[in-house]
Amino acid sequence: MDGVAVPTDTVWKLEPHTGAKHQILRRYLDAWFPILGKYNKKLVYADGFAGPGCYLDGEPGSPIAALQSAISHALVLTGNPEFWLIEERPDRLTRLQAEIARLTIPKNFIIKTECGTFAEKFRAALDTSDRDGTRHAPMFALIDPFGFSGIPYDLIKRVLLRDKCEVLITFMVDSINRWLTHPEDGVRGHIIETFGTDEAIEIAFGVGDRATSLKNLYQRQLKKVALFVRYFEMRDQSDRAVYYLFFATNNPLGHIKMKESMWKVDPMGDFRFSDATNPDQQVLFSEPPTGGLASDLKSHFRAKPKMQIATVEEYVQNDTAYLRKHMVDALKLLEKAGDLAVADTKADGKKRRAGSYPNDALIRFTASA
């Protein structure tokens, strides 16, 4: 796949895949702010490559979308939510500050705009947070570079080791693949820094598809510090993978809310995306999920004894790209086909309402499955 063109102007045209990414971000933050704002006086939204705050035709950039989401939930955010907005280019930072000035910002919001690199400024911000006692504040960090340098694994690891912190990372695997055999030590050093291991360089001399191996290595590295890691393929109309969007969290609810955000964003006519975390069960978000999930559940549970639906839901929520509503549709399909037996009596001894699939309902996948 070809790399994404790096804009040189202060403001540039919004690409379809970026528009979809921002829809996902906004939908996720619309859940993240009110949920965590109820129980935490301090929240942190960090944007490591903030940009100018807008696009050529006036669409909001990621930091403005985040602020708009927070403002819409201002009544819940009674503490002091912080926004760490980092941008390396002074012209873009100036434009971002102008875009922020156009908003009506609640007085309790703390906005910190920094000119510099993500690695430098974010590390300093984390150091300050450690010293002033706000290190336990929930954090959502958007790490959205055009290339692969300047996003050191040690910083991402540091965030994920904190309580209630998560990251959404644009992973430019094609750029890494193209520079993997570069003779300069500095370039190879950037790659090693990105992965946190020199295994990435060794992939250049291995067998198989290098881009796939790089993507899988990055997933393994994130899994060392996050319970839930999903990656999404961002594809264009020609079915060309533009890049991968990695989401990592230690919070089961955050994992579910990110999946919900993905399913709510309708792919545009010239763009689509899929969950590719399991290469054997890739899920295209524009396709009905019932049949694929039904086959997955039959395969996964066929040898299991009678169980409660809660066991199936836990698998669906934590280990697949699907949601509970998809599970219910899949169970209906399986029951109708005779591949699933659902007891009339629930685990508590009470009668199950026909056609319902509560978590305490008892089910068994039939031998024919």
Protein backbone atom coordinates (compact mmCIF):
# COMPACT_ATOMS: atom_id res chain seq x y z
CA MET A 1 0.00 0.00 0.00
CA ASP A 2 1.12 3.54 -0.66
CA GLY A 3 1.83 5.96 2.11
CA VAL A 4 -0.44 8.89 2.97
CA ALA A 5 0.69 12.17 1.43
CA VAL A 6 2.16 14.54 4.02
CA PRO A 7 0.62 18.04 3.70
CA THR A 8 2.99 21.01 3.63
CA ASP A 9 0.49 23.87 3.93
CA THR A 10 -0.81 25.25 7.21
CA VAL A 11 -4.30 23.93 6.43
CA TRP A 12 -5.13 21.16 3.99
CA LYS A 13 -8.08 19.28 2.54
CA LEU A 14 -9.77 16.68 4.72
CA GLU A 15 -9.25 13.15 3.40
CA PRO A 16 -12.18 10.71 3.65
CA HIS A 17 -10.30 8.30 5.91
CA THR A 18 -9.44 11.16 8.27
CA GLY A 19 -13.08 12.23 8.32
CA ALA A 20 -14.12 8.72 9.32
CA LYS A 21 -11.44 8.63 12.01
CA HIS A 22 -12.72 11.91 13.46
CA GLN A 23 -16.29 10.57 13.50
CA ILE A 24 -15.05 7.57 15.47
CA LEU A 25 -13.13 9.86 17.84
CA ARG A 26 -16.11 12.16 18.41
CA ARG A 27 -18.52 9.30 19.05
CA TYR A 28 -16.10 7.68 21.47
CA LEU A 29 -15.47 10.91 23.39
CA ASP A 30 -19.23 11.52 23.55
CA ALA A 31 -19.31 8.37 25.72
CA TRP A 32 -15.93 8.81 27.43
CA PHE A 33 -16.44 12.31 28.86
CA PRO A 34 -19.81 11.74 30.60
CA ILE A 35 -18.95 8.25 31.91
CA LEU A 36 -15.64 9.23 33.48
CA GLY A 37 -16.74 12.76 34.32
CA LYS A 38 -19.26 11.42 36.82
CA TYR A 39 -16.59 9.91 39.04
CA ASN A 40 -13.39 11.83 38.30
CA LYS A 41 -12.72 15.51 38.94
CA LYS A 42 -9.74 15.44 36.60
CA LEU A 43 -9.76 14.10 33.02
CA VAL A 44 -7.04 14.54 30.40
CA TYR A 45 -7.47 14.56 26.64
CA ALA A 46 -4.08 14.59 24.90
CA ASP A 47 -3.58 15.23 21.18
CA GLY A 48 0.03 14.60 20.23
CA PHE A 49 -0.15 15.87 16.64
CA ALA A 50 -2.90 18.44 17.01
CA GLY A 51 -2.60 20.22 13.67
CA PRO A 52 -4.27 23.56 12.86
CA GLY A 53 -7.67 22.67 14.31
CA CYS A 54 -9.51 22.85 11.00
CA TYR A 55 -9.38 21.74 7.37
CA LEU A 56 -9.55 23.62 4.11
CA ASP A 57 -13.34 23.51 3.85
CA GLY A 58 -13.90 24.38 7.50
CA GLU A 59 -14.27 20.91 9.01
CA PRO A 60 -13.04 20.71 12.63
CA GLY A 61 -9.73 19.01 13.40
CA SER A 62 -9.39 16.43 16.16
CA PRO A 63 -8.67 18.89 19.04
CA ILE A 64 -11.70 21.01 18.14
CA ALA A 65 -13.87 17.90 17.85
CA ALA A 66 -12.67 16.83 21.30
CA LEU A 67 -13.40 20.25 22.80
CA GLN A 68 -16.85 20.33 21.18
CA SER A 69 -17.60 16.92 22.68
CA ALA A 70 -16.47 18.04 26.15
CA ILE A 71 -18.42 21.30 25.92
CA SER A 72 -21.58 19.36 25.08
CA HIS A 73 -21.11 17.44 28.35
CA ALA A 74 -19.98 20.44 30.41
CA LEU A 75 -22.65 19.89 33.08
CA VAL A 76 -21.13 16.51 33.87
CA LEU A 77 -17.54 17.74 33.78
CA THR A 78 -17.67 19.64 37.06
CA GLY A 79 -13.97 19.26 37.81
CA ASN A 80 -11.14 20.60 35.69
CA PRO A 81 -10.80 18.63 32.46
CA GLU A 82 -7.44 19.27 30.83
CA PHE A 83 -6.59 19.34 27.14
CA TRP A 84 -2.96 18.82 26.17
CA LEU A 85 -2.65 19.95 22.55
CA ILE A 86 0.80 19.52 21.02
CA GLU A 87 1.80 20.71 17.56
CA GLU A 88 5.31 20.97 16.16
CA ARG A 89 4.73 23.69 13.53
CA PRO A 90 4.25 27.23 14.88
CA ASP A 91 1.96 28.28 11.99
CA ARG A 92 -0.40 25.39 12.66
CA LEU A 93 -0.36 25.99 16.40
CA THR A 94 -1.28 29.65 15.83
CA ARG A 95 -4.20 28.60 13.65
CA LEU A 96 -5.28 26.05 16.27
CA GLN A 97 -5.26 28.72 18.98
CA ALA A 98 -7.43 30.91 16.74
CA GLU A 99 -9.89 28.06 16.22
CA ILE A 100 -10.06 27.46 19.98
CA ALA A 101 -10.75 31.17 20.52
CA ARG A 102 -13.88 30.81 18.38
CA LEU A 103 -15.37 28.38 20.92
CA THR A 104 -17.15 29.24 24.14
CA ILE A 105 -14.93 27.41 26.62
CA PRO A 106 -16.31 26.68 30.12
CA LYS A 107 -14.28 28.39 32.84
CA ASN A 108 -13.33 25.10 34.50
CA PHE A 109 -11.65 23.74 31.34
CA ILE A 110 -7.84 23.87 31.25
CA ILE A 111 -6.36 24.07 27.77
CA LYS A 112 -2.61 23.75 27.29
CA THR A 113 -1.25 24.32 23.78
CA GLU A 114 2.41 23.47 23.26
CA CYS A 115 4.70 24.04 20.30
CA GLY A 116 7.14 21.18 19.94
CA THR A 117 7.36 17.49 19.22
CA PHE A 118 5.00 14.96 20.74
CA ALA A 119 7.83 13.00 22.35
CA GLU A 120 9.37 16.06 24.00
CA LYS A 121 6.22 17.86 25.18
CA PHE A 122 4.20 14.80 26.12
CA ARG A 123 7.03 13.38 28.18
CA ALA A 124 7.36 16.71 30.00
CA ALA A 125 3.60 16.84 30.60
CA LEU A 126 3.64 13.34 32.09
CA ASP A 127 6.56 14.31 34.30
CA THR A 128 4.61 17.31 35.57
CA SER A 129 1.55 15.16 36.13
CA ASP A 130 3.61 12.73 38.17
CA ARG A 131 4.91 15.55 40.36
CA ASP A 132 1.64 17.42 40.95
CA GLY A 133 -0.36 14.35 41.92
CA THR A 134 -2.67 14.16 38.89
CA ARG A 135 -1.07 11.00 37.52
CA HIS A 136 -4.18 9.01 38.41
CA ALA A 137 -6.47 11.11 36.24
CA PRO A 138 -8.08 9.15 33.38
CA MET A 139 -6.46 9.99 30.05
CA PHE A 140 -7.33 9.51 26.41
CA ALA A 141 -4.36 10.12 24.11
CA LEU A 142 -4.76 10.53 20.36
CA ILE A 143 -1.42 9.86 18.65
CA ASP A 144 -1.95 10.68 14.99
CA PRO A 145 1.32 11.24 13.09
CA PHE A 146 1.83 11.34 9.34
CA GLY A 147 4.89 9.12 9.58
CA PHE A 148 6.31 6.71 12.10
CA SER A 149 9.03 8.66 13.88
CA GLY A 150 8.46 10.57 17.07
CA ILE A 151 6.00 8.14 18.69
CA PRO A 152 8.30 6.20 21.04
CA TYR A 153 6.89 3.01 22.48
CA ASP A 154 8.17 3.87 25.95
CA LEU A 155 5.84 6.89 26.11
CA ILE A 156 2.83 4.89 24.97
CA LYS A 157 3.73 2.18 27.48
CA ARG A 158 3.97 4.82 30.19
CA VAL A 159 0.41 5.98 29.47
CA LEU A 160 -1.08 2.49 29.38
CA LEU A 161 0.53 1.56 32.68
CA ARG A 162 -1.47 4.34 34.32
CA ASP A 163 -4.94 3.68 35.68
CA LYS A 164 -7.86 4.39 33.31
CA CYS A 165 -5.67 5.55 30.44
CA GLU A 166 -5.92 4.57 26.79
CA VAL A 167 -4.56 5.43 23.37
CA LEU A 168 -5.74 5.66 19.78
CA ILE A 169 -2.76 5.46 17.43
CA THR A 170 -2.43 5.97 13.69
CA PHE A 171 0.07 3.29 12.71
CA MET A 172 1.73 4.03 9.35
CA VAL A 173 2.97 0.51 8.70
CA ASP A 174 3.68 1.17 5.02
CA SER A 175 6.12 3.98 5.83
CA ILE A 176 7.91 1.74 8.30
CA ASN A 177 8.08 -1.07 5.77
CA ARG A 178 9.57 1.20 3.10
CA TRP A 179 12.27 2.51 5.46
CA LEU A 180 12.99 -0.80 7.14
CA THR A 181 16.21 -1.48 5.22
CA HIS A 182 17.47 2.11 5.19
CA PRO A 183 21.25 2.16 5.71
CA GLU A 184 21.29 5.08 8.16
CA ASP A 185 21.49 4.19 11.84
CA GLY A 186 19.27 7.13 12.72
CA VAL A 187 16.36 5.84 10.62
CA ARG A 188 16.65 2.35 12.05
CA GLY A 189 16.84 3.93 15.49
CA HIS A 190 13.47 5.64 14.93
CA ILE A 191 11.93 2.30 13.97
CA ILE A 192 13.35 0.56 17.03
CA GLU A 193 12.10 3.44 19.20
CA THR A 194 8.60 3.14 17.72
CA PHE A 195 8.36 -0.57 18.53
CA GLY A 196 10.43 -0.58 21.70
CA THR A 197 12.44 -3.52 20.34
CA ASP A 198 14.93 -4.28 17.58
CA GLU A 199 12.74 -7.19 16.48
CA ALA A 200 11.25 -4.77 13.96
CA ILE A 201 14.56 -4.48 12.10
CA GLU A 202 14.94 -8.26 12.05
CA ILE A 203 11.63 -8.53 10.16
CA ALA A 204 13.44 -7.15 7.11
CA PHE A 205 15.38 -10.41 6.84
CA GLY A 206 12.51 -12.79 7.62
CA VAL A 207 10.00 -14.58 5.44
CA GLY A 208 6.39 -13.72 4.70
CA ASP A 209 4.68 -10.36 4.30
CA ARG A 210 6.76 -7.73 6.10
CA ALA A 211 3.90 -5.26 6.63
CA THR A 212 1.80 -7.95 8.29
CA SER A 213 4.71 -8.97 10.50
CA LEU A 214 5.30 -5.34 11.53
CA LYS A 215 1.62 -4.84 12.35
CA ASN A 216 1.53 -8.06 14.38
CA LEU A 217 4.68 -7.08 16.28
CA TYR A 218 3.19 -3.73 17.21
CA GLN A 219 0.06 -5.47 18.44
CA ARG A 220 2.14 -7.81 20.61
CA GLN A 221 4.04 -4.86 22.08
CA LEU A 222 0.83 -3.08 23.01
CA LYS A 223 -0.59 -6.29 24.47
CA LYS A 224 2.28 -6.30 26.96
CA VAL A 225 0.71 -3.29 28.69
CA ALA A 226 -2.97 -3.36 27.63
CA LEU A 227 -5.61 -6.04 28.14
CA PHE A 228 -7.56 -4.98 25.07
CA VAL A 229 -5.88 -4.13 21.77
CA ARG A 230 -7.87 -3.81 18.57
CA TYR A 231 -6.66 -2.58 15.23
CA PHE A 232 -8.77 -1.32 12.39
CA GLU A 233 -7.85 -1.29 8.72
CA MET A 234 -8.67 2.03 7.10
CA ARG A 235 -9.32 1.34 3.41
CA ASP A 236 -10.18 3.53 0.44
CA GLN A 237 -12.66 2.93 -2.38
CA SER A 238 -10.10 0.80 -4.22
CA ASP A 239 -9.85 -1.47 -1.16
CA ARG A 240 -6.31 -0.21 -0.55
CA ALA A 241 -5.26 -0.22 3.11
CA VAL A 242 -4.42 3.40 3.96
CA TYR A 243 -3.15 2.69 7.48
CA TYR A 244 -4.04 0.90 10.70
CA LEU A 245 -5.77 2.50 13.66
CA PHE A 246 -4.75 0.87 16.94
CA PHE A 247 -6.82 1.23 20.09
CA ALA A 248 -5.42 0.02 23.41
CA THR A 249 -7.00 0.10 26.86
CA ASN A 250 -7.16 -1.83 30.12
CA ASN A 251 -10.81 -0.92 30.62
CA PRO A 252 -13.45 -3.45 29.40
CA LEU A 253 -16.08 -0.71 29.12
CA GLY A 254 -13.72 1.48 27.09
CA HIS A 255 -13.15 -1.45 24.74
CA ILE A 256 -16.90 -1.90 24.27
CA LYS A 257 -17.49 1.83 23.73
CA MET A 258 -14.80 1.98 21.04
CA LYS A 259 -16.42 -0.93 19.22
CA GLU A 260 -19.79 0.81 19.49
CA SER A 261 -18.26 3.96 18.03
CA MET A 262 -16.90 1.97 15.09
CA TRP A 263 -20.26 0.36 14.35
CA LYS A 264 -22.06 3.72 14.47
CA VAL A 265 -19.84 5.37 11.86
CA ASP A 266 -21.25 4.62 8.43
CA PRO A 267 -18.43 4.20 5.90
CA MET A 268 -18.63 6.91 3.26
CA GLY A 269 -19.06 6.11 -0.40
CA ASP A 270 -15.34 6.47 -1.05
CA PHE A 271 -14.11 4.90 2.14
CA ARG A 272 -14.57 1.83 4.37
CA PHE A 273 -12.90 0.23 7.35
CA SER A 274 -12.77 -3.13 9.05
CA ASP A 275 -11.67 -4.79 12.26
CA ALA A 276 -8.69 -6.94 11.34
CA THR A 277 -7.52 -7.94 14.83
CA ASN A 278 -8.23 -11.59 14.05
CA PRO A 279 -7.00 -12.26 10.49
CA ASP A 280 -9.28 -15.31 10.29
CA GLN A 281 -12.39 -13.33 11.19
CA GLN A 282 -11.96 -9.92 9.61
CA VAL A 283 -15.10 -7.85 10.04
CA LEU A 284 -16.15 -5.26 7.46
CA PHE A 285 -18.24 -2.65 9.26
CA SER A 286 -20.51 -2.11 6.27
CA GLU A 287 -21.66 -5.75 6.19
CA PRO A 288 -24.38 -7.46 8.30
CA PRO A 289 -22.48 -9.26 11.06
CA THR A 290 -24.96 -12.01 11.98
CA GLY A 291 -23.76 -14.85 9.77
CA GLY A 292 -20.09 -14.39 10.51
CA LEU A 293 -20.59 -14.19 14.24
CA ALA A 294 -22.90 -17.22 14.23
CA SER A 295 -20.20 -19.28 12.53
CA ASP A 296 -17.62 -18.00 15.01
CA LEU A 297 -19.78 -18.94 18.01
CA LYS A 298 -20.47 -22.42 16.64
CA SER A 299 -16.78 -23.02 16.15
CA HIS A 300 -15.72 -21.59 19.51
CA PHE A 301 -18.38 -23.22 21.72
CA ARG A 302 -19.27 -26.45 19.92
CA ALA A 303 -17.43 -28.69 22.42
CA LYS A 304 -18.56 -26.79 25.51
CA PRO A 305 -21.22 -28.09 27.99
CA LYS A 306 -24.39 -26.23 28.90
CA MET A 307 -23.61 -22.62 29.88
CA GLN A 308 -25.20 -19.28 30.60
CA ILE A 309 -25.43 -16.71 27.84
CA ALA A 310 -23.23 -14.49 30.02
CA THR A 311 -20.29 -16.72 29.05
CA VAL A 312 -20.97 -16.14 25.36
CA GLU A 313 -21.39 -12.41 25.88
CA GLU A 314 -18.06 -12.15 27.69
CA TYR A 315 -16.36 -13.79 24.70
CA VAL A 316 -18.17 -11.56 22.20
CA GLN A 317 -17.46 -8.34 24.07
CA ASN A 318 -13.83 -9.02 24.97
CA ASP A 319 -12.50 -11.12 22.11
CA THR A 320 -14.37 -10.10 18.97
CA ALA A 321 -15.27 -6.96 17.04
CA TYR A 322 -18.97 -7.56 17.71
CA LEU A 323 -21.45 -6.17 20.24
CA ARG A 324 -24.14 -7.77 22.38
CA LYS A 325 -26.88 -6.88 19.90
CA HIS A 326 -24.98 -8.80 17.22
CA MET A 327 -24.70 -11.76 19.61
CA VAL A 328 -28.47 -11.81 20.13
CA ASP A 329 -29.11 -11.85 16.37
CA ALA A 330 -26.55 -14.65 15.96
CA LEU A 331 -28.13 -16.72 18.73
CA LYS A 332 -31.56 -16.31 17.13
CA LEU A 333 -30.14 -17.52 13.84
CA LEU A 334 -28.47 -20.52 15.46
CA GLU A 335 -31.58 -21.47 17.42
CA LYS A 336 -33.75 -21.28 14.31
CA ALA A 337 -31.28 -23.49 12.42
CA GLY A 338 -31.29 -26.09 15.20
CA ASP A 339 -27.66 -25.44 16.09
CA LEU A 340 -28.51 -24.04 19.52
CA ALA A 341 -30.75 -25.32 22.29
CA VAL A 342 -32.10 -22.70 24.72
CA ALA A 343 -33.65 -23.93 27.97
CA ASP A 344 -37.12 -22.71 28.94
CA THR A 345 -35.91 -22.25 32.52
CA LYS A 346 -33.14 -19.81 33.45
CA ALA A 347 -30.28 -20.41 35.89
CA ASP A 348 -32.36 -18.94 38.74
CA GLY A 349 -35.18 -21.40 38.07
CA LYS A 350 -37.51 -18.80 36.60
CA LYS A 351 -39.14 -19.23 33.22
CA ARG A 352 -37.44 -17.60 30.23
CA ARG A 353 -39.59 -15.43 28.03
CA ALA A 354 -39.79 -16.99 24.57
CA GLY A 355 -37.50 -15.33 22.05
CA SER A 356 -35.44 -13.58 24.72
CA TYR A 357 -31.75 -14.12 25.44
CA PRO A 358 -30.98 -12.84 28.95
CA ASN A 359 -27.51 -13.45 30.34
CA ASP A 360 -28.75 -16.04 32.82
CA ALA A 361 -30.48 -18.12 30.13
CA LEU A 362 -29.03 -21.61 29.75
CA ILE A 363 -27.89 -22.69 26.31
CA ARG A 364 -26.07 -25.54 24.65
CA PHE A 365 -24.63 -25.68 21.15
CA THR A 366 -25.90 -28.88 19.59
CA ALA A 367 -23.64 -31.67 18.34
CA SER A 368 -24.54 -30.86 14.73
CA ALA A 369 -22.94 -27.47 15.20
